[in-house]
Amino acid sequence: MENFLQDKRTVWIVAAVTMLLFLIANLPWQLDDYDQAKQAFTSFEMIKEGHWFYQRTPHEHVATKPPLVGWVSAGVFVLTKSWDVAWRLPSFLAAIGIMMLLFRAATSVYGSTGGLIALGAFGLNLLSPRLATLVRTDMPLALVIFLIGLLIWQKIQREEAWKPQDRVYIFALLTVAMLIKGPIVYAFLLPGIGMFECWRHKSQAFSAWSGWWPWVASFGIFLLWVIGGILFMPGFFDEVVVREFAARFAETIHRPQPLYFYLPHLLHKFAPWSALMIAVAILGLASRRWKIRAAFREMSAETFWLLCWTLGGLLVMSLIPSKRVDRIFPIIPPLCLLLAAQVNGRVGALRRPEAAARRPYLAIALTFAILLTGGYTISKVIAGYRDHRDALVVFGREVRREAEKHHWRYEVVSAKDEGLLLYLWETHFIKPDRAVIEWNRGNLDALVASTEKAPALLRDLNGAAHSQLKSDERKEEQGMGYILIKRLVTP
């Protein structure tokens, strides 16, 4: 078993399986859930309409997130001419970046076994593959937060004082985080830094605090974006400042969740590694006859920072009433480092002889994780194709092909499915009454409408009929169907 854990081929196998799961987990690709359409629409609007700083959602609401990930996607589209690649590549590259940094950091301090376990824990769980190609900002944000926390960890581990160039590095990373998702970066780092600084005063550990100016200056840049939105973007204050930010701390607009919401979800989504961490902690404390204070006294400074980092982020995010499972993802990478410290036999976990004796269980956990994550991911992919989860993607592609072939002028009648605009490469919905006016004036050759609205439209449209193009049937919870209406005779 020890040879299995330390064999370089095992690392390559785990890395290859992880990357494969990252690539296929969201197949068939679509934008119908998890607000993917809202995020995808930002870069689409940048390219189509030149709105580089402030965008709207498909339903004409103000886009609530800063534009950095949208800029990246727009740049990728310019290079690749593929929207699927442009929307999903930033998250995928961020996931690969975390995986590589995590493996190198864990291997350098906790050895090859620790590096392998950290790599497996990050890639082989039920959350990372899902977010790796999801059109959202969670993975890029997690990468930036991990880079900041990793720099602090290295400073503590190497017992190095903070230098001016380190503060510039922190400032740059915080600014990037602010332009990805705003001040939420504070929730994942500042509580842990505060906890560590309180503990540090009783020890000889080096500081985790880089100084005030990187944090204040990066927040100032974010405020410039907010002030610009308030001044120049109608509805920005209500949609972004009040509804998106302030309402997260209330229980009126966003659906509140109980205080313990994240804990059971972490135990589930981070399985089997969550169970392994708990088991190793229990065994470590039992070997010390449950002397918890002694375990903390023996704990190295860099290990205690990892503990503060994860617990601080979990505590603050749990206190915010508005919760969703993917929002807690930035604590997964430090949890992986903490697990590597545990299985390596660092103080505060298993003692080294005990850690060596239990290496067979690590191999079992790694094998089980491959089977669990792989089986779950493959089953989701099969179910996605079986249930026609990409029905609107296929429908939109066929409509575009027909429209290009016949040189049709077409519009999309307003609908609940935000992704429909993106599948048809359109930037605006048209209201039914306006669609009737434009059609009867001869300005339109085709309309895309839901199967619910199509009968009423056909009664008011002159010379219109159903075409053969319609979306495949989907499950009821996936939304309604759509059909293409065309002219019988083009004027």
Protein backbone atom coordinates (compact mmCIF):
# COMPACT_ATOMS: atom_id res chain seq x y z
CA MET A 1 0.00 0.00 0.00
CA GLU A 2 2.88 2.37 0.76
CA ASN A 3 4.31 1.73 -2.71
CA PHE A 4 0.86 2.44 -4.19
CA LEU A 5 0.64 5.82 -2.44
CA GLN A 6 4.18 6.88 -3.31
CA ASP A 7 4.23 5.59 -6.88
CA LYS A 8 4.37 8.46 -9.39
CA ARG A 9 2.02 6.53 -11.66
CA THR A 10 -0.67 6.78 -8.97
CA VAL A 11 -0.35 10.57 -9.03
CA TRP A 12 -0.71 10.62 -12.82
CA ILE A 13 -3.73 8.31 -12.66
CA VAL A 14 -5.47 10.45 -10.04
CA ALA A 15 -4.65 13.64 -11.97
CA ALA A 16 -5.92 12.15 -15.25
CA VAL A 17 -9.16 10.88 -13.67
CA THR A 18 -9.68 14.27 -12.01
CA MET A 19 -9.20 16.21 -15.24
CA LEU A 20 -11.51 13.84 -17.10
CA LEU A 21 -14.23 14.29 -14.49
CA PHE A 22 -13.73 18.07 -14.62
CA LEU A 23 -14.30 17.99 -18.38
CA ILE A 24 -17.37 15.74 -18.50
CA ALA A 25 -19.21 16.51 -15.25
CA ASN A 26 -21.59 19.08 -16.78
CA LEU A 27 -22.24 17.31 -20.08
CA PRO A 28 -24.42 17.88 -21.96
CA TRP A 29 -23.49 21.56 -21.71
CA GLN A 30 -26.41 23.94 -21.22
CA LEU A 31 -27.18 27.18 -19.38
CA ASP A 32 -30.59 26.36 -17.94
CA ASP A 33 -29.70 26.11 -14.23
CA TYR A 34 -27.57 27.64 -11.44
CA ASP A 35 -27.81 31.13 -12.98
CA GLN A 36 -25.35 30.12 -15.70
CA ALA A 37 -27.22 32.17 -18.30
CA LYS A 38 -26.78 35.36 -16.27
CA GLN A 39 -23.02 34.89 -16.08
CA ALA A 40 -22.71 33.86 -19.73
CA PHE A 41 -24.76 36.85 -20.84
CA THR A 42 -22.22 39.33 -19.41
CA SER A 43 -19.48 38.40 -21.87
CA PHE A 44 -22.02 37.92 -24.68
CA GLU A 45 -23.28 41.48 -24.14
CA MET A 46 -19.70 42.78 -24.02
CA ILE A 47 -18.96 41.38 -27.48
CA LYS A 48 -22.35 42.12 -29.06
CA GLU A 49 -23.09 45.55 -27.59
CA GLY A 50 -19.81 46.79 -26.13
CA HIS A 51 -21.01 47.05 -22.52
CA TRP A 52 -17.69 46.37 -20.80
CA PHE A 53 -18.25 47.64 -17.27
CA TYR A 54 -21.94 47.19 -16.53
CA GLN A 55 -24.21 44.61 -18.08
CA ARG A 56 -27.78 43.39 -17.84
CA THR A 57 -29.28 39.93 -17.50
CA PRO A 58 -31.32 38.35 -20.34
CA HIS A 59 -34.48 39.69 -18.69
CA GLU A 60 -33.17 43.27 -18.64
CA HIS A 61 -32.23 43.38 -14.95
CA VAL A 62 -28.89 44.83 -13.88
CA ALA A 63 -26.10 42.24 -13.75
CA THR A 64 -25.07 42.01 -10.12
CA LYS A 65 -21.47 40.79 -10.32
CA PRO A 66 -18.33 42.75 -11.27
CA PRO A 67 -17.14 42.13 -14.85
CA LEU A 68 -13.70 40.49 -14.54
CA VAL A 69 -14.69 36.91 -15.41
CA GLY A 70 -16.82 38.32 -18.24
CA TRP A 71 -13.73 40.13 -19.58
CA VAL A 72 -11.80 36.87 -19.53
CA SER A 73 -14.57 35.02 -21.36
CA ALA A 74 -14.83 37.79 -23.95
CA GLY A 75 -11.09 37.57 -24.55
CA VAL A 76 -11.25 33.80 -24.93
CA PHE A 77 -14.10 34.15 -27.44
CA VAL A 78 -12.05 36.59 -29.53
CA LEU A 79 -9.29 33.96 -29.69
CA THR A 80 -11.39 30.80 -30.13
CA LYS A 81 -14.68 32.00 -31.70
CA SER A 82 -16.46 29.46 -29.50
CA TRP A 83 -18.88 30.58 -26.80
CA ASP A 84 -18.86 27.18 -25.10
CA VAL A 85 -15.09 27.39 -24.69
CA ALA A 86 -15.20 31.07 -23.72
CA TRP A 87 -17.77 30.52 -20.98
CA ARG A 88 -16.33 27.35 -19.46
CA LEU A 89 -12.57 27.65 -19.92
CA PRO A 90 -12.02 30.21 -17.09
CA SER A 91 -13.50 27.88 -14.47
CA PHE A 92 -11.70 24.85 -15.90
CA LEU A 93 -8.30 26.56 -15.92
CA ALA A 94 -8.91 27.86 -12.40
CA ALA A 95 -9.68 24.31 -11.24
CA ILE A 96 -6.50 22.98 -12.86
CA GLY A 97 -4.54 25.84 -11.29
CA ILE A 98 -5.81 25.03 -7.80
CA MET A 99 -5.09 21.35 -8.35
CA MET A 100 -1.47 21.97 -9.38
CA LEU A 101 -0.74 24.54 -6.66
CA LEU A 102 -2.32 22.36 -4.03
CA PHE A 103 -0.31 19.30 -5.04
CA ARG A 104 2.99 21.19 -5.14
CA ALA A 105 2.39 22.90 -1.79
CA ALA A 106 1.30 19.72 -0.02
CA THR A 107 4.16 17.67 -1.49
CA SER A 108 6.79 20.24 -0.52
CA VAL A 109 5.78 20.18 3.15
CA TYR A 110 3.89 16.93 3.76
CA GLY A 111 5.68 14.58 1.36
CA SER A 112 4.48 12.61 -1.63
CA THR A 113 1.68 10.86 0.26
CA GLY A 114 0.36 14.16 1.58
CA GLY A 115 0.49 15.65 -1.92
CA LEU A 116 -1.41 12.71 -3.40
CA ILE A 117 -4.12 12.85 -0.74
CA ALA A 118 -4.51 16.63 -1.15
CA LEU A 119 -4.79 16.18 -4.93
CA GLY A 120 -7.35 13.41 -4.57
CA ALA A 121 -9.37 15.28 -1.97
CA PHE A 122 -9.68 18.35 -4.19
CA GLY A 123 -10.57 16.57 -7.41
CA LEU A 124 -12.45 13.51 -6.21
CA ASN A 125 -15.44 14.89 -4.36
CA LEU A 126 -18.98 15.75 -5.40
CA LEU A 127 -18.46 19.52 -5.63
CA SER A 128 -15.23 20.25 -7.53
CA PRO A 129 -16.07 18.42 -10.79
CA ARG A 130 -19.47 20.12 -10.86
CA LEU A 131 -17.98 23.62 -10.59
CA ALA A 132 -15.01 22.98 -12.90
CA THR A 133 -16.92 23.75 -16.11
CA LEU A 134 -19.98 25.47 -14.68
CA VAL A 135 -20.51 28.96 -16.12
CA ARG A 136 -20.12 30.71 -12.79
CA THR A 137 -17.55 32.71 -10.83
CA ASP A 138 -17.09 30.25 -7.94
CA MET A 139 -13.98 28.46 -9.22
CA PRO A 140 -12.03 31.60 -10.29
CA LEU A 141 -12.86 33.18 -6.92
CA ALA A 142 -11.69 30.04 -5.10
CA LEU A 143 -8.37 30.18 -7.00
CA VAL A 144 -7.70 33.79 -5.97
CA ILE A 145 -8.66 33.15 -2.32
CA PHE A 146 -6.45 30.06 -2.29
CA LEU A 147 -3.49 32.04 -3.65
CA ILE A 148 -3.85 34.60 -0.85
CA GLY A 149 -4.25 31.97 1.85
CA LEU A 150 -1.38 29.94 0.41
CA LEU A 151 0.95 32.93 0.54
CA ILE A 152 0.05 33.45 4.21
CA TRP A 153 0.62 29.73 4.86
CA GLN A 154 4.06 29.87 3.23
CA LYS A 155 5.03 32.97 5.22
CA ILE A 156 4.10 31.24 8.47
CA GLN A 157 5.69 27.93 7.51
CA ARG A 158 8.97 29.51 6.37
CA GLU A 159 8.94 32.06 9.23
CA GLU A 160 9.35 34.98 6.86
CA ALA A 161 8.37 38.59 7.53
CA TRP A 162 6.11 40.44 5.13
CA LYS A 163 7.94 42.45 2.46
CA PRO A 164 6.66 45.33 0.29
CA GLN A 165 6.46 43.09 -2.79
CA ASP A 166 4.35 40.59 -0.81
CA ARG A 167 1.88 43.34 0.03
CA VAL A 168 1.70 44.38 -3.62
CA TYR A 169 0.98 40.74 -4.49
CA ILE A 170 -1.81 40.59 -1.87
CA PHE A 171 -3.24 43.88 -3.17
CA ALA A 172 -3.30 42.57 -6.76
CA LEU A 173 -5.00 39.33 -5.73
CA LEU A 174 -7.56 41.11 -3.54
CA THR A 175 -8.35 43.49 -6.40
CA VAL A 176 -8.92 40.53 -8.73
CA ALA A 177 -11.19 38.91 -6.12
CA MET A 178 -13.13 42.16 -5.71
CA LEU A 179 -13.67 42.38 -9.47
CA ILE A 180 -14.84 38.77 -9.56
CA LYS A 181 -17.40 38.75 -6.76
CA GLY A 182 -16.95 41.73 -4.50
CA PRO A 183 -16.07 41.84 -0.77
CA ILE A 184 -17.06 38.20 -0.15
CA VAL A 185 -13.31 37.52 -0.18
CA TYR A 186 -13.15 39.16 3.26
CA ALA A 187 -15.50 36.52 4.71
CA PHE A 188 -13.13 33.70 3.74
CA LEU A 189 -9.87 35.27 4.96
CA LEU A 190 -10.26 38.01 7.57
CA PRO A 191 -11.97 35.88 10.28
CA GLY A 192 -9.22 33.25 10.01
CA ILE A 193 -6.51 35.91 10.10
CA GLY A 194 -8.09 37.41 13.22
CA MET A 195 -8.28 34.03 14.95
CA PHE A 196 -4.67 33.25 14.08
CA GLU A 197 -3.41 36.63 15.29
CA CYS A 198 -5.13 36.13 18.65
CA TRP A 199 -3.45 32.72 18.99
CA ARG A 200 -0.10 34.00 17.71
CA HIS A 201 0.37 36.41 20.57
CA LYS A 202 0.75 33.40 22.88
CA SER A 203 3.33 31.72 20.65
CA GLN A 204 6.37 32.57 18.57
CA ALA A 205 4.62 32.24 15.22
CA PHE A 206 5.05 34.79 12.46
CA SER A 207 2.16 37.08 11.57
CA ALA A 208 -0.55 36.21 9.05
CA TRP A 209 -1.43 39.88 8.64
CA SER A 210 0.06 41.69 5.66
CA GLY A 211 -0.99 45.15 6.78
CA TRP A 212 -4.03 47.34 6.13
CA TRP A 213 -3.28 49.04 2.82
CA PRO A 214 -3.73 46.06 0.44
CA TRP A 215 -7.18 45.37 1.91
CA VAL A 216 -8.31 48.99 1.97
CA ALA A 217 -6.91 49.92 -1.46
CA SER A 218 -8.49 46.91 -3.20
CA PHE A 219 -11.84 47.71 -1.59
CA GLY A 220 -11.45 51.27 -2.84
CA ILE A 221 -11.17 50.02 -6.43
CA PHE A 222 -14.33 47.96 -5.95
CA LEU A 223 -16.09 51.06 -4.59
CA LEU A 224 -15.17 52.96 -7.75
CA TRP A 225 -17.04 50.32 -9.77
CA VAL A 226 -20.02 50.52 -7.39
CA ILE A 227 -20.14 54.33 -7.47
CA GLY A 228 -19.92 54.31 -11.26
CA GLY A 229 -22.84 51.89 -11.40
CA ILE A 230 -24.96 54.02 -9.07
CA LEU A 231 -24.26 57.14 -11.12
CA PHE A 232 -24.54 55.79 -14.65
CA MET A 233 -26.59 52.57 -14.50
CA PRO A 234 -30.34 52.94 -13.81
CA GLY A 235 -31.48 50.43 -11.21
CA PHE A 236 -27.96 49.57 -10.07
CA PHE A 237 -28.43 50.74 -6.48
CA ASP A 238 -31.63 48.75 -5.95
CA GLU A 239 -30.50 45.60 -7.76
CA VAL A 240 -26.87 45.39 -6.64
CA VAL A 241 -26.41 47.38 -3.43
CA VAL A 242 -29.79 46.70 -1.81
CA ARG A 243 -31.00 43.40 -3.24
CA GLU A 244 -27.77 41.54 -4.04
CA PHE A 245 -25.57 42.69 -1.15
CA ALA A 246 -27.52 44.13 1.78
CA ALA A 247 -30.43 41.69 1.45
CA ARG A 248 -28.03 38.74 1.92
CA PHE A 249 -27.89 39.67 5.59
CA ALA A 250 -31.68 39.86 5.97
CA GLU A 251 -34.38 37.21 5.73
CA THR A 252 -36.93 38.96 3.52
CA ILE A 253 -35.75 38.83 -0.13
CA HIS A 254 -33.42 35.84 -0.36
CA ARG A 255 -34.56 32.55 1.05
CA PRO A 256 -32.83 32.14 4.45
CA GLN A 257 -31.29 28.86 5.52
CA PRO A 258 -30.55 27.59 9.06
CA LEU A 259 -27.21 28.22 10.75
CA TYR A 260 -26.06 24.61 10.34
CA PHE A 261 -26.88 24.50 6.60
CA TYR A 262 -23.31 24.19 5.32
CA LEU A 263 -22.09 21.55 7.76
CA PRO A 264 -24.16 18.56 6.56
CA HIS A 265 -23.68 19.63 2.95
CA LEU A 266 -19.90 19.71 3.44
CA LEU A 267 -19.96 16.28 5.04
CA HIS A 268 -21.86 15.01 2.01
CA LYS A 269 -20.22 16.91 -0.84
CA PHE A 270 -16.67 16.44 0.50
CA ALA A 271 -17.13 12.70 1.12
CA PRO A 272 -15.25 10.43 1.66
CA TRP A 273 -12.58 12.92 2.75
CA SER A 274 -14.80 14.58 5.35
CA ALA A 275 -15.25 11.22 7.06
CA LEU A 276 -11.51 10.57 6.83
CA MET A 277 -10.68 13.94 8.43
CA ILE A 278 -13.05 13.28 11.32
CA ALA A 279 -11.70 9.76 11.82
CA VAL A 280 -8.07 10.91 11.80
CA ALA A 281 -8.86 13.71 14.27
CA ILE A 282 -10.61 11.29 16.63
CA LEU A 283 -7.76 8.79 16.45
CA GLY A 284 -5.21 11.55 17.01
CA LEU A 285 -7.03 12.83 20.08
CA ALA A 286 -7.52 9.30 21.42
CA SER A 287 -3.77 8.68 21.15
CA ARG A 288 -3.29 11.75 23.36
CA ARG A 289 -5.92 10.55 25.83
CA TRP A 290 -8.30 13.30 24.69
CA LYS A 291 -6.05 16.11 25.85
CA ILE A 292 -7.34 18.72 23.44
CA ARG A 293 -5.27 21.57 24.87
CA ALA A 294 -2.12 19.49 24.51
CA ALA A 295 -2.98 18.78 20.88
CA PHE A 296 -3.34 22.51 20.19
CA ARG A 297 -0.08 23.28 21.98
CA GLU A 298 1.73 20.74 19.82
CA MET A 299 0.13 21.97 16.61
CA SER A 300 2.48 23.72 14.22
CA ALA A 301 1.76 27.33 13.31
CA GLU A 302 1.08 26.60 9.62
CA THR A 303 -1.34 23.81 10.54
CA PHE A 304 -3.16 26.10 12.95
CA TRP A 305 -3.46 28.70 10.17
CA LEU A 306 -5.15 26.11 7.95
CA LEU A 307 -7.57 25.37 10.80
CA CYS A 308 -8.31 29.08 11.33
CA TRP A 309 -8.68 29.63 7.57
CA THR A 310 -11.30 26.92 7.12
CA LEU A 311 -13.22 27.42 10.36
CA GLY A 312 -13.26 31.21 10.00
CA GLY A 313 -14.74 31.07 6.51
CA LEU A 314 -17.25 28.38 7.49
CA LEU A 315 -18.39 30.32 10.56
CA VAL A 316 -18.93 33.67 8.81
CA MET A 317 -20.65 32.14 5.78
CA SER A 318 -22.93 30.20 8.15
CA LEU A 319 -23.92 33.42 9.90
CA ILE A 320 -25.13 34.95 6.60
CA PRO A 321 -28.83 33.96 6.23
CA SER A 322 -28.71 33.61 2.42
CA LYS A 323 -26.88 30.34 1.68
CA ARG A 324 -26.18 28.04 -1.25
CA VAL A 325 -23.87 25.02 -1.31
CA ASP A 326 -21.46 26.28 -3.97
CA ARG A 327 -20.76 29.49 -2.02
CA ILE A 328 -18.75 27.59 0.58
CA PHE A 329 -16.45 26.06 -2.04
CA PRO A 330 -13.40 28.33 -1.32
CA ILE A 331 -12.80 26.47 1.95
CA ILE A 332 -12.30 23.17 0.10
CA PRO A 333 -8.64 23.79 -0.96
CA PRO A 334 -7.44 24.65 2.59
CA LEU A 335 -9.38 21.64 3.86
CA CYS A 336 -7.35 19.51 1.44
CA LEU A 337 -4.09 20.95 2.81
CA LEU A 338 -5.32 20.33 6.34
CA LEU A 339 -6.07 16.71 5.47
CA ALA A 340 -2.56 16.36 4.04
CA ALA A 341 -1.16 17.66 7.33
CA GLN A 342 -3.26 15.16 9.26
CA VAL A 343 -2.28 12.07 7.30
CA ASN A 344 1.37 13.11 7.28
CA GLY A 345 1.46 12.81 11.06
CA ARG A 346 2.00 16.48 11.81
CA VAL A 347 1.40 17.53 15.38
CA GLY A 348 -2.26 17.98 16.20
CA ALA A 349 -3.22 14.93 14.14
CA LEU A 350 -1.82 11.40 14.04
CA ARG A 351 1.68 10.82 15.34
CA ARG A 352 4.06 9.65 12.63
CA PRO A 353 4.17 5.91 13.56
CA GLU A 354 0.37 5.86 13.71
CA ALA A 355 0.13 7.67 10.39
CA ALA A 356 2.42 5.13 8.72
CA ALA A 357 0.41 2.23 10.16
CA ARG A 358 -2.80 3.60 8.72
CA ARG A 359 -1.60 4.23 5.17
CA PRO A 360 -3.59 1.24 3.85
CA TYR A 361 -6.75 3.10 4.85
CA LEU A 362 -5.61 6.08 2.79
CA ALA A 363 -5.31 3.86 -0.26
CA ILE A 364 -8.80 2.50 0.41
CA ALA A 365 -10.18 6.04 0.79
CA LEU A 366 -8.54 7.13 -2.48
CA THR A 367 -9.92 4.13 -4.36
CA PHE A 368 -13.37 4.65 -2.88
CA ALA A 369 -13.28 8.35 -3.86
CA ILE A 370 -12.48 7.46 -7.47
CA LEU A 371 -15.38 5.01 -7.59
CA LEU A 372 -17.82 7.33 -5.79
CA THR A 373 -17.03 10.52 -7.70
CA GLY A 374 -16.58 8.75 -11.02
CA GLY A 375 -19.78 6.74 -10.67
CA TYR A 376 -21.81 9.76 -9.56
CA THR A 377 -20.47 11.96 -12.37
CA ILE A 378 -21.01 9.36 -15.09
CA SER A 379 -24.55 8.65 -13.87
CA LYS A 380 -25.36 12.38 -14.00
CA VAL A 381 -24.01 12.65 -17.54
CA ILE A 382 -26.01 9.64 -18.72
CA ALA A 383 -29.15 11.03 -17.09
CA GLY A 384 -28.52 14.40 -18.75
CA TYR A 385 -28.46 12.92 -22.24
CA ARG A 386 -31.36 10.57 -21.51
CA ASP A 387 -33.55 13.43 -20.23
CA HIS A 388 -32.56 15.77 -23.11
CA ARG A 389 -31.07 18.32 -20.73
CA ASP A 390 -29.57 20.08 -23.75
CA ALA A 391 -32.86 20.22 -25.68
CA LEU A 392 -32.80 24.00 -25.96
CA VAL A 393 -29.16 24.00 -27.05
CA VAL A 394 -29.97 21.67 -29.94
CA PHE A 395 -33.12 23.62 -30.78
CA GLY A 396 -31.27 26.93 -30.84
CA ARG A 397 -28.54 25.53 -33.09
CA GLU A 398 -31.12 24.21 -35.56
CA VAL A 399 -32.99 27.53 -35.62
CA ARG A 400 -29.78 29.45 -36.32
CA ARG A 401 -28.92 27.07 -39.13
CA GLU A 402 -32.34 27.45 -40.77
CA ALA A 403 -32.32 31.23 -40.32
CA GLU A 404 -28.92 31.51 -41.97
CA LYS A 405 -29.96 29.20 -44.79
CA HIS A 406 -33.14 31.15 -45.60
CA HIS A 407 -31.86 34.61 -44.56
CA TRP A 408 -34.66 34.96 -42.02
CA ARG A 409 -35.07 37.95 -39.75
CA TYR A 410 -36.24 36.46 -36.48
CA GLU A 411 -36.86 37.40 -32.83
CA VAL A 412 -37.36 35.50 -29.59
CA VAL A 413 -40.62 36.05 -27.73
CA SER A 414 -40.07 36.73 -24.02
CA ALA A 415 -39.75 33.50 -22.04
CA LYS A 416 -38.65 32.26 -18.62
CA ASP A 417 -35.62 30.35 -19.95
CA GLU A 418 -32.82 32.93 -19.89
CA GLY A 419 -30.45 30.68 -21.79
CA LEU A 420 -32.73 30.69 -24.83
CA LEU A 421 -31.37 34.07 -25.94
CA LEU A 422 -27.81 32.77 -25.83
CA TYR A 423 -28.65 29.58 -27.73
CA LEU A 424 -30.11 31.79 -30.48
CA TRP A 425 -27.33 34.41 -30.30
CA GLU A 426 -29.78 37.21 -29.55
CA THR A 427 -29.38 40.01 -27.01
CA HIS A 428 -33.03 40.92 -26.32
CA PHE A 429 -36.39 39.25 -25.97
CA ILE A 430 -39.36 40.79 -27.76
CA LYS A 431 -42.73 41.12 -26.08
CA PRO A 432 -45.67 39.30 -27.73
CA ASP A 433 -47.60 42.43 -28.67
CA ARG A 434 -44.51 44.02 -30.21
CA ALA A 435 -43.76 40.79 -32.07
CA VAL A 436 -47.25 40.88 -33.64
CA ILE A 437 -46.76 44.48 -34.77
CA GLU A 438 -43.34 43.85 -36.32
CA TRP A 439 -44.53 40.64 -37.98
CA ASN A 440 -47.59 42.22 -39.57
CA ARG A 441 -45.44 45.10 -40.83
CA GLY A 442 -43.28 42.56 -42.65
CA ASN A 443 -40.18 43.17 -40.55
CA LEU A 444 -39.92 39.56 -39.31
CA ASP A 445 -39.77 36.23 -41.09
CA ALA A 446 -39.74 33.92 -38.06
CA LEU A 447 -40.43 33.90 -34.33
CA VAL A 448 -39.30 31.58 -31.54
CA ALA A 449 -42.01 31.19 -28.91
CA SER A 450 -42.96 28.84 -26.11
CA THR A 451 -45.58 26.19 -26.81
CA GLU A 452 -47.85 28.03 -24.35
CA LYS A 453 -47.72 31.36 -26.21
CA ALA A 454 -47.61 30.02 -29.77
CA PRO A 455 -51.39 29.40 -30.24
CA ALA A 456 -52.31 32.96 -29.21
CA LEU A 457 -49.59 34.41 -31.42
CA LEU A 458 -50.67 32.42 -34.47
CA ARG A 459 -54.17 33.89 -34.25
CA ASP A 460 -52.75 37.42 -34.55
CA LEU A 461 -49.92 36.84 -37.04
CA ASN A 462 -50.74 37.21 -40.72
CA GLY A 463 -49.60 34.32 -42.88
CA ALA A 464 -47.88 32.41 -40.08
CA ALA A 465 -47.63 28.69 -39.41
CA HIS A 466 -45.80 26.20 -37.23
CA SER A 467 -42.51 24.96 -38.63
CA GLN A 468 -41.14 21.50 -38.06
CA LEU A 469 -38.56 22.84 -35.63
CA LYS A 470 -39.40 22.43 -31.97
CA SER A 471 -37.44 21.57 -28.86
CA ASP A 472 -37.37 18.00 -27.61
CA GLU A 473 -39.50 17.19 -24.60
CA ARG A 474 -37.79 17.73 -21.28
CA LYS A 475 -38.70 16.83 -17.74
CA GLU A 476 -41.39 19.05 -16.28
CA GLU A 477 -38.99 20.66 -13.79
CA GLN A 478 -36.60 21.58 -16.62
CA GLY A 479 -39.04 24.07 -18.15
CA MET A 480 -41.37 24.45 -21.11
CA GLY A 481 -40.95 23.58 -24.78
CA TYR A 482 -40.40 25.96 -27.71
CA ILE A 483 -41.32 26.07 -31.38
CA LEU A 484 -40.34 28.09 -34.44
CA ILE A 485 -43.10 30.06 -36.21
CA LYS A 486 -42.41 31.01 -39.83
CA ARG A 487 -44.12 32.79 -42.68
CA LEU A 488 -45.98 30.80 -45.23
CA VAL A 489 -44.86 33.25 -47.91
CA THR A 490 -41.98 35.64 -47.25
CA PRO A 491 -42.85 39.17 -48.46
